[in-house]
C-alpha atoms as a PDB file:
ATOM      1  CA  UNK A   1     -44.600 -42.950 -15.795  1.00  0.00           C
ATOM      2  CA  UNK A   2     -47.302 -42.241 -13.328  1.00  0.00           C
ATOM      3  CA  UNK A   3     -48.570 -38.795 -12.389  1.00  0.00           C
ATOM      4  CA  UNK A   4     -47.019 -38.787  -8.910  1.00  0.00           C
ATOM      5  CA  UNK A   5     -43.513 -39.262 -10.306  1.00  0.00           C
ATOM      6  CA  UNK A   6     -44.112 -36.568 -12.932  1.00  0.00           C
ATOM      7  CA  UNK A   7     -45.372 -34.210 -10.233  1.00  0.00           C
ATOM      8  CA  UNK A   8     -42.288 -34.855  -8.033  1.00  0.00           C
ATOM      9  CA  UNK A   9     -39.949 -34.222 -10.969  1.00  0.00           C
ATOM     10  CA  UNK A  10     -41.828 -31.023 -11.765  1.00  0.00           C
ATOM     11  CA  UNK A  11     -41.527 -29.831  -8.127  1.00  0.00           C
ATOM     12  CA  UNK A  12     -37.820 -30.732  -8.060  1.00  0.00           C
ATOM     13  CA  UNK A  13     -37.242 -28.562 -11.145  1.00  0.00           C
ATOM     14  CA  UNK A  14     -39.201 -25.713  -9.589  1.00  0.00           C
ATOM     15  CA  UNK A  15     -37.172 -25.944  -6.355  1.00  0.00           C
ATOM     16  CA  UNK A  16     -33.905 -26.192  -8.297  1.00  0.00           C
ATOM     17  CA  UNK A  17     -34.893 -23.158 -10.351  1.00  0.00           C
ATOM     18  CA  UNK A  18     -35.747 -21.219  -7.204  1.00  0.00           C
ATOM     19  CA  UNK A  19     -32.376 -22.117  -5.664  1.00  0.00           C
ATOM     20  CA  UNK A  20     -30.548 -21.017  -8.818  1.00  0.00           C
ATOM     21  CA  UNK A  21     -32.453 -17.721  -8.853  1.00  0.00           C
ATOM     22  CA  UNK A  22     -31.626 -17.119  -5.147  1.00  0.00           C
ATOM     23  CA  UNK A  23     -27.939 -17.892  -5.665  1.00  0.00           C
ATOM     24  CA  UNK A  24     -27.758 -15.656  -8.757  1.00  0.00           C
ATOM     25  CA  UNK A  25     -29.524 -12.831  -6.924  1.00  0.00           C
ATOM     26  CA  UNK A  26     -27.216 -13.094  -3.919  1.00  0.00           C
ATOM     27  CA  UNK A  27     -24.170 -12.973  -6.212  1.00  0.00           C
ATOM     28  CA  UNK A  28     -25.508  -9.914  -8.006  1.00  0.00           C
ATOM     29  CA  UNK A  29     -26.205  -8.116  -4.736  1.00  0.00           C
ATOM     30  CA  UNK A  30     -22.951  -9.207  -3.060  1.00  0.00           C
ATOM     31  CA  UNK A  31     -20.746  -8.128  -5.971  1.00  0.00           C
ATOM     32  CA  UNK A  32     -21.498  -4.389  -5.789  1.00  0.00           C
ATOM     33  CA  UNK A  33     -21.129  -4.372  -2.011  1.00  0.00           C
ATOM     34  CA  UNK A  34     -17.760  -6.137  -2.300  1.00  0.00           C
ATOM     35  CA  UNK A  35     -16.605  -3.610  -4.900  1.00  0.00           C
ATOM     36  CA  UNK A  36     -17.819  -0.773  -2.679  1.00  0.00           C
ATOM     37  CA  UNK A  37     -15.956  -2.283   0.283  1.00  0.00           C
ATOM     38  CA  UNK A  38     -12.748  -2.429  -1.764  1.00  0.00           C
ATOM     39  CA  UNK A  39     -13.238   1.175  -2.907  1.00  0.00           C
ATOM     40  CA  UNK A  40     -13.768   2.250   0.710  1.00  0.00           C
ATOM     41  CA  UNK A  41     -10.556   0.483   1.764  1.00  0.00           C
ATOM     42  CA  UNK A  42      -8.626   2.243  -1.022  1.00  0.00           C
ATOM     43  CA  UNK A  43     -10.140   5.595  -0.063  1.00  0.00           C
ATOM     44  CA  UNK A  44      -9.293   5.030   3.599  1.00  0.00           C
ATOM     45  CA  UNK A  45      -5.689   4.240   2.623  1.00  0.00           C
ATOM     46  CA  UNK A  46      -5.500   7.351   0.421  1.00  0.00           C
ATOM     47  CA  UNK A  47      -6.901   9.555   3.202  1.00  0.00           C
ATOM     48  CA  UNK A  48      -4.442   8.041   5.664  1.00  0.00           C
ATOM     49  CA  UNK A  49      -1.558   8.736   3.267  1.00  0.00           C
ATOM     50  CA  UNK A  50      -2.742  12.319   2.868  1.00  0.00           C
ATOM     51  CA  UNK A  51      -3.011  12.808   6.646  1.00  0.00           C
ATOM     52  CA  UNK A  52       0.403  11.176   7.197  1.00  0.00           C
ATOM     53  CA  UNK A  53       1.931  13.550   4.655  1.00  0.00           C
ATOM     54  CA  UNK A  54       0.298  16.597   6.276  1.00  0.00           C
ATOM     55  CA  UNK A  55       1.455  15.393   9.703  1.00  0.00           C
ATOM     56  CA  UNK A  56       5.061  14.998   8.442  1.00  0.00           C
ATOM     57  CA  UNK A  57       4.946  18.432   6.810  1.00  0.00           C
ATOM     58  CA  UNK A  58       3.841  19.994  10.095  1.00  0.00           C
ATOM     59  CA  UNK A  59       5.975  18.062  12.593  1.00  0.00           C
ATOM     60  CA  UNK A  60       8.910  16.771  10.544  1.00  0.00           C
ATOM     61  CA  UNK A  61      10.501  13.351  10.717  1.00  0.00           C
ATOM     62  CA  UNK A  62      10.598  13.065  14.519  1.00  0.00           C
ATOM     63  CA  UNK A  63       7.207  11.298  14.688  1.00  0.00           C
ATOM     64  CA  UNK A  64       7.753   8.710  11.927  1.00  0.00           C
ATOM     65  CA  UNK A  65       7.338   5.854  14.429  1.00  0.00           C
ATOM     66  CA  UNK A  66       3.944   7.260  15.385  1.00  0.00           C
ATOM     67  CA  UNK A  67       2.839   7.166  11.753  1.00  0.00           C
ATOM     68  CA  UNK A  68       3.508   3.406  11.633  1.00  0.00           C
ATOM     69  CA  UNK A  69       0.652   2.824  14.087  1.00  0.00           C
ATOM     70  CA  UNK A  70      -2.829   1.838  12.963  1.00  0.00           C
ATOM     71  CA  UNK A  71      -5.164   4.537  11.675  1.00  0.00           C
ATOM     72  CA  UNK A  72      -7.506   4.146  14.663  1.00  0.00           C
ATOM     73  CA  UNK A  73      -4.638   4.745  17.094  1.00  0.00           C
ATOM     74  CA  UNK A  74      -3.331   7.750  15.148  1.00  0.00           C
ATOM     75  CA  UNK A  75      -6.766   9.387  15.028  1.00  0.00           C
ATOM     76  CA  UNK A  76      -7.635   8.525  18.632  1.00  0.00           C
ATOM     77  CA  UNK A  77      -4.360   9.642  20.210  1.00  0.00           C
ATOM     78  CA  UNK A  78      -3.579  12.810  18.286  1.00  0.00           C
ATOM     79  CA  UNK A  79      -5.934  15.723  17.783  1.00  0.00           C
ATOM     80  CA  UNK A  80      -3.672  17.267  15.098  1.00  0.00           C
ATOM     81  CA  UNK A  81      -3.634  13.982  13.168  1.00  0.00           C
ATOM     82  CA  UNK A  82      -7.413  13.801  13.427  1.00  0.00           C
ATOM     83  CA  UNK A  83      -7.668  17.352  12.048  1.00  0.00           C
ATOM     84  CA  UNK A  84      -5.341  16.504   9.152  1.00  0.00           C
ATOM     85  CA  UNK A  85      -7.447  13.431   8.373  1.00  0.00           C
ATOM     86  CA  UNK A  86     -10.613  15.546   8.393  1.00  0.00           C
ATOM     87  CA  UNK A  87      -8.960  18.109   6.099  1.00  0.00           C
ATOM     88  CA  UNK A  88      -8.076  15.296   3.695  1.00  0.00           C
ATOM     89  CA  UNK A  89     -11.667  14.039   3.752  1.00  0.00           C
ATOM     90  CA  UNK A  90     -12.932  17.534   2.929  1.00  0.00           C
ATOM     91  CA  UNK A  91     -10.364  17.927   0.145  1.00  0.00           C
ATOM     92  CA  UNK A  92     -11.425  14.563  -1.284  1.00  0.00           C
ATOM     93  CA  UNK A  93     -15.105  15.525  -1.230  1.00  0.00           C
ATOM     94  CA  UNK A  94     -14.520  18.992  -2.730  1.00  0.00           C
ATOM     95  CA  UNK A  95     -11.890  17.997  -5.328  1.00  0.00           C
ATOM     96  CA  UNK A  96     -11.912  14.210  -5.759  1.00  0.00           C
ATOM     97  CA  UNK A  97      -9.900  14.109  -8.997  1.00  0.00           C
ATOM     98  CA  UNK A  98      -7.232  16.541  -7.763  1.00  0.00           C
ATOM     99  CA  UNK A  99      -7.026  14.602  -4.502  1.00  0.00           C
ATOM    100  CA  UNK A 100      -6.435  11.278  -6.281  1.00  0.00           C
ATOM    101  CA  UNK A 101      -3.805  12.787  -8.584  1.00  0.00           C
ATOM    102  CA  UNK A 102      -2.004  14.453  -5.658  1.00  0.00           C
ATOM    103  CA  UNK A 103      -2.079  11.221  -3.673  1.00  0.00           C
ATOM    104  CA  UNK A 104      -0.718   9.254  -6.636  1.00  0.00           C
ATOM    105  CA  UNK A 105       2.095  11.766  -7.162  1.00  0.00           C
ATOM    106  CA  UNK A 106       2.975  11.663  -3.460  1.00  0.00           C
ATOM    107  CA  UNK A 107       3.104   7.849  -3.547  1.00  0.00           C
ATOM    108  CA  UNK A 108       5.378   7.979  -6.608  1.00  0.00           C
ATOM    109  CA  UNK A 109       7.654  10.481  -4.800  1.00  0.00           C
ATOM    110  CA  UNK A 110       7.879   8.223  -1.749  1.00  0.00           C
ATOM    111  CA  UNK A 111       8.722   5.238  -3.957  1.00  0.00           C
ATOM    112  CA  UNK A 112      11.440   7.235  -5.738  1.00  0.00           C
ATOM    113  CA  UNK A 113      12.953   8.439  -2.455  1.00  0.00           C
ATOM    114  CA  UNK A 114      12.878   4.904  -1.042  1.00  0.00           C
ATOM    115  CA  UNK A 115      14.576   3.597  -4.186  1.00  0.00           C
ATOM    116  CA  UNK A 116      17.309   6.233  -3.982  1.00  0.00           C
ATOM    117  CA  UNK A 117      17.966   5.638  -0.283  1.00  0.00           C
ATOM    118  CA  UNK A 118      18.212   1.869  -0.709  1.00  0.00           C
ATOM    119  CA  UNK A 119      20.372   2.281  -3.802  1.00  0.00           C
ATOM    120  CA  UNK A 120      22.773   4.533  -1.861  1.00  0.00           C
ATOM    121  CA  UNK A 121      22.939   1.992   0.932  1.00  0.00           C
ATOM    122  CA  UNK A 122      23.460  -0.959  -1.432  1.00  0.00           C
ATOM    123  CA  UNK A 123      26.123   0.933  -3.419  1.00  0.00           C
ATOM    124  CA  UNK A 124      28.055   1.644  -0.218  1.00  0.00           C
ATOM    125  CA  UNK A 125      27.812  -1.976   0.939  1.00  0.00           C
ATOM    126  CA  UNK A 126      28.850  -3.197  -2.512  1.00  0.00           C
ATOM    127  CA  UNK A 127      31.919  -0.921  -2.504  1.00  0.00           C
ATOM    128  CA  UNK A 128      32.854  -2.108   0.997  1.00  0.00           C
ATOM    129  CA  UNK A 129      32.636  -5.714  -0.157  1.00  0.00           C
ATOM    130  CA  UNK A 130      34.174  -5.434  -3.645  1.00  0.00           C
ATOM    131  CA  UNK A 131      36.222  -2.257  -3.621  1.00  0.00           C
ATOM    132  CA  UNK A 132      35.942   0.943  -5.592  1.00  0.00           C
ATOM    133  CA  UNK A 133      36.905  -0.588  -8.961  1.00  0.00           C
ATOM    134  CA  UNK A 134      33.292  -1.189  -9.968  1.00  0.00           C
ATOM    135  CA  UNK A 135      32.296   2.447 -10.501  1.00  0.00           C
ATOM    136  CA  UNK A 136      31.081   1.702 -14.042  1.00  0.00           C
ATOM    137  CA  UNK A 137      28.794  -1.004 -12.668  1.00  0.00           C
ATOM    138  CA  UNK A 138      27.495   1.270  -9.893  1.00  0.00           C
ATOM    139  CA  UNK A 139      26.635   3.982 -12.432  1.00  0.00           C
ATOM    140  CA  UNK A 140      24.006   1.670 -13.984  1.00  0.00           C
ATOM    141  CA  UNK A 141      20.303   1.923 -13.016  1.00  0.00           C
ATOM    142  CA  UNK A 142      19.316  -0.062  -9.940  1.00  0.00           C
ATOM    143  CA  UNK A 143      17.076  -2.467 -11.854  1.00  0.00           C
ATOM    144  CA  UNK A 144      20.159  -3.537 -13.903  1.00  0.00           C
ATOM    145  CA  UNK A 145      22.386  -3.773 -10.825  1.00  0.00           C
ATOM    146  CA  UNK A 146      19.777  -5.907  -9.023  1.00  0.00           C
ATOM    147  CA  UNK A 147      20.292  -8.654 -11.618  1.00  0.00           C
ATOM    148  CA  UNK A 148      23.742  -9.339 -10.161  1.00  0.00           C
ATOM    149  CA  UNK A 149      23.394 -11.630  -7.166  1.00  0.00           C
ATOM    150  CA  UNK A 150      26.029  -9.878  -5.037  1.00  0.00           C
ATOM    151  CA  UNK A 151      24.348  -6.505  -5.485  1.00  0.00           C
ATOM    152  CA  UNK A 152      21.008  -8.123  -4.680  1.00  0.00           C
ATOM    153  CA  UNK A 153      22.553  -9.373  -1.442  1.00  0.00           C
ATOM    154  CA  UNK A 154      23.703  -5.811  -0.691  1.00  0.00           C
ATOM    155  CA  UNK A 155      20.103  -4.621  -1.040  1.00  0.00           C
ATOM    156  CA  UNK A 156      18.906  -7.460   1.221  1.00  0.00           C
ATOM    157  CA  UNK A 157      21.514  -6.423   3.780  1.00  0.00           C
ATOM    158  CA  UNK A 158      20.138  -2.867   3.609  1.00  0.00           C
ATOM    159  CA  UNK A 159      16.599  -4.154   4.178  1.00  0.00           C
ATOM    160  CA  UNK A 160      17.769  -6.088   7.238  1.00  0.00           C
ATOM    161  CA  UNK A 161      19.600  -3.040   8.574  1.00  0.00           C
ATOM    162  CA  UNK A 162      16.495  -0.915   7.985  1.00  0.00           C
ATOM    163  CA  UNK A 163      14.257  -3.386   9.850  1.00  0.00           C
ATOM    164  CA  UNK A 164      16.666  -3.798  12.782  1.00  0.00           C
ATOM    165  CA  UNK A 165      17.925  -0.216  13.100  1.00  0.00           C
ATOM    166  CA  UNK A 166      15.472   2.161  11.390  1.00  0.00           C
ATOM    167  CA  UNK A 167      16.707   5.347  13.092  1.00  0.00           C
ATOM    168  CA  UNK A 168      20.378   4.596  12.454  1.00  0.00           C
ATOM    169  CA  UNK A 169      19.556   3.625   8.881  1.00  0.00           C
ATOM    170  CA  UNK A 170      17.714   6.919   8.237  1.00  0.00           C
ATOM    171  CA  UNK A 171      20.535   8.955   9.764  1.00  0.00           C
ATOM    172  CA  UNK A 172      23.137   7.074   7.763  1.00  0.00           C
ATOM    173  CA  UNK A 173      21.536   6.974   4.289  1.00  0.00           C
ATOM    174  CA  UNK A 174      18.742   9.532   4.195  1.00  0.00           C
ATOM    175  CA  UNK A 175      20.866  12.638   4.642  1.00  0.00           C
END
């Protein structure tokens, strides 16, 4: 092999090595920023949940539709909401562990309440469809009841009712 070919092969390996180093470096630098971006999104969601909870505690259930709006709209259009959000930010900075635990507990409470409301709705629909003779079945936990297709359909019917008539649904099942 002549020297020119050897030199070209050598340069090709050098360029390939440089490309590999650049790709590896960009991956290493992009990874932490992606993780940080995900953490920021989680934090933003936690702060929003905290502010939503404070807003509900102050003003009750009458503004639930407002809380379904985007965070930007809620902060921009409501000074009290903005203040609650700021309070949550301060609480997170001063007591980050307590804040995360409180937020987790609140989320668990909301999930439990949602489960109970939908179970009440589905039980009522199931009784309407099948009669009151299934009281032993209805006494079982919801995850067991959901395995029966007709009960599952009752839950789906509740979801549809909730989507189409949220106020009526809340008045009917959340009292």
